[in-house]
Amino acid sequence: MPTVNFSVPEDVKDAFNTAFEGQNKSAVIADLMREAVERILASVAVKWFAQGDWALREEGVEPALDILRASKTSTTWPR
């Protein structure tokens, strides 16, 4: 499994550690990242189906569009 490194403000780190004390923090972060990806893909999907590719290209969301294009021909949502 790959490792991801990023920086967060100290107060966010402390609040996270308090909120998720005793839990597998790597699993919590992975779940939060999955939720964030699904949320942005859902947002992009709504715009894509409502406005078409051209509107999204202007917003710079090509990577999300690629995922949506692939999922349009798939029977499962990307996970």
Protein backbone atom coordinates (compact mmCIF):
# COMPACT_ATOMS: atom_id res chain seq x y z
CA MET A 1 0.00 0.00 0.00
CA PRO A 2 1.42 3.43 -0.91
CA THR A 3 2.27 6.05 1.68
CA VAL A 4 0.90 9.59 1.42
CA ASN A 5 2.60 12.48 3.21
CA PHE A 6 1.02 15.89 3.68
CA SER A 7 1.10 18.76 6.14
CA VAL A 8 -1.82 20.06 8.18
CA PRO A 9 -2.09 22.80 10.78
CA GLU A 10 -1.26 21.67 14.32
CA ASP A 11 -4.78 22.42 15.59
CA VAL A 12 -6.30 20.21 12.87
CA LYS A 13 -3.92 17.37 13.73
CA ASP A 14 -4.73 17.66 17.44
CA ALA A 15 -8.49 17.75 16.82
CA PHE A 16 -8.24 14.76 14.46
CA ASN A 17 -6.21 12.75 16.97
CA THR A 18 -8.72 13.55 19.73
CA ALA A 19 -11.77 12.80 17.58
CA PHE A 20 -10.41 9.48 16.32
CA GLU A 21 -8.51 8.33 19.40
CA GLY A 22 -8.20 4.56 19.53
CA GLN A 23 -9.08 4.14 15.85
CA ASN A 24 -6.86 3.20 12.94
CA LYS A 25 -6.09 6.70 11.71
CA SER A 26 -4.78 5.48 8.35
CA ALA A 27 -8.11 3.76 7.72
CA VAL A 28 -10.02 6.88 8.82
CA ILE A 29 -8.01 9.09 6.46
CA ALA A 30 -8.43 6.60 3.60
CA ASP A 31 -12.21 6.62 4.14
CA LEU A 32 -12.27 10.43 4.24
CA MET A 33 -10.24 10.57 1.01
CA ARG A 34 -12.67 8.14 -0.68
CA GLU A 35 -15.61 10.29 0.42
CA ALA A 36 -13.90 13.43 -0.92
CA VAL A 37 -13.25 11.78 -4.30
CA GLU A 38 -16.84 10.57 -4.54
CA ARG A 39 -18.13 14.03 -3.59
CA ILE A 40 -16.07 15.82 -6.26
CA LEU A 41 -16.92 13.21 -8.89
CA ALA A 42 -20.61 13.58 -8.10
CA SER A 43 -20.32 17.35 -8.42
CA VAL A 44 -18.46 17.07 -11.71
CA ALA A 45 -20.95 14.48 -12.97
CA VAL A 46 -23.89 16.80 -12.35
CA LYS A 47 -22.18 19.62 -14.27
CA TRP A 48 -21.04 17.25 -17.01
CA PHE A 49 -24.50 15.86 -17.67
CA ALA A 50 -26.12 19.30 -17.38
CA GLN A 51 -23.59 21.42 -19.31
CA GLY A 52 -21.38 19.07 -21.28
CA ASP A 53 -17.62 18.65 -21.55
CA TRP A 54 -16.91 22.20 -22.72
CA ALA A 55 -18.05 23.80 -19.44
CA LEU A 56 -15.88 21.51 -17.37
CA ARG A 57 -12.77 21.94 -19.50
CA GLU A 58 -12.92 25.64 -18.64
CA GLU A 59 -12.93 24.72 -14.94
CA GLY A 60 -9.86 22.47 -15.27
CA VAL A 61 -11.36 19.19 -14.13
CA GLU A 62 -10.09 16.97 -16.96
CA PRO A 63 -8.86 14.18 -14.61
CA ALA A 64 -12.33 13.88 -13.09
CA LEU A 65 -13.86 13.93 -16.55
CA ASP A 66 -11.64 11.02 -17.59
CA ILE A 67 -12.95 9.00 -14.64
CA LEU A 68 -16.54 9.92 -15.50
CA ARG A 69 -16.10 9.05 -19.18
CA ALA A 70 -14.74 5.64 -18.20
CA SER A 71 -17.56 5.08 -15.72
CA LYS A 72 -20.21 6.02 -18.30
CA THR A 73 -19.44 2.78 -20.14
CA SER A 74 -18.91 0.80 -16.94
CA THR A 75 -21.57 -0.90 -14.84
CA THR A 76 -19.99 0.21 -11.57
CA TRP A 77 -19.07 3.62 -10.17
CA PRO A 78 -15.31 4.06 -9.72
CA ARG A 79 -14.10 3.05 -6.25
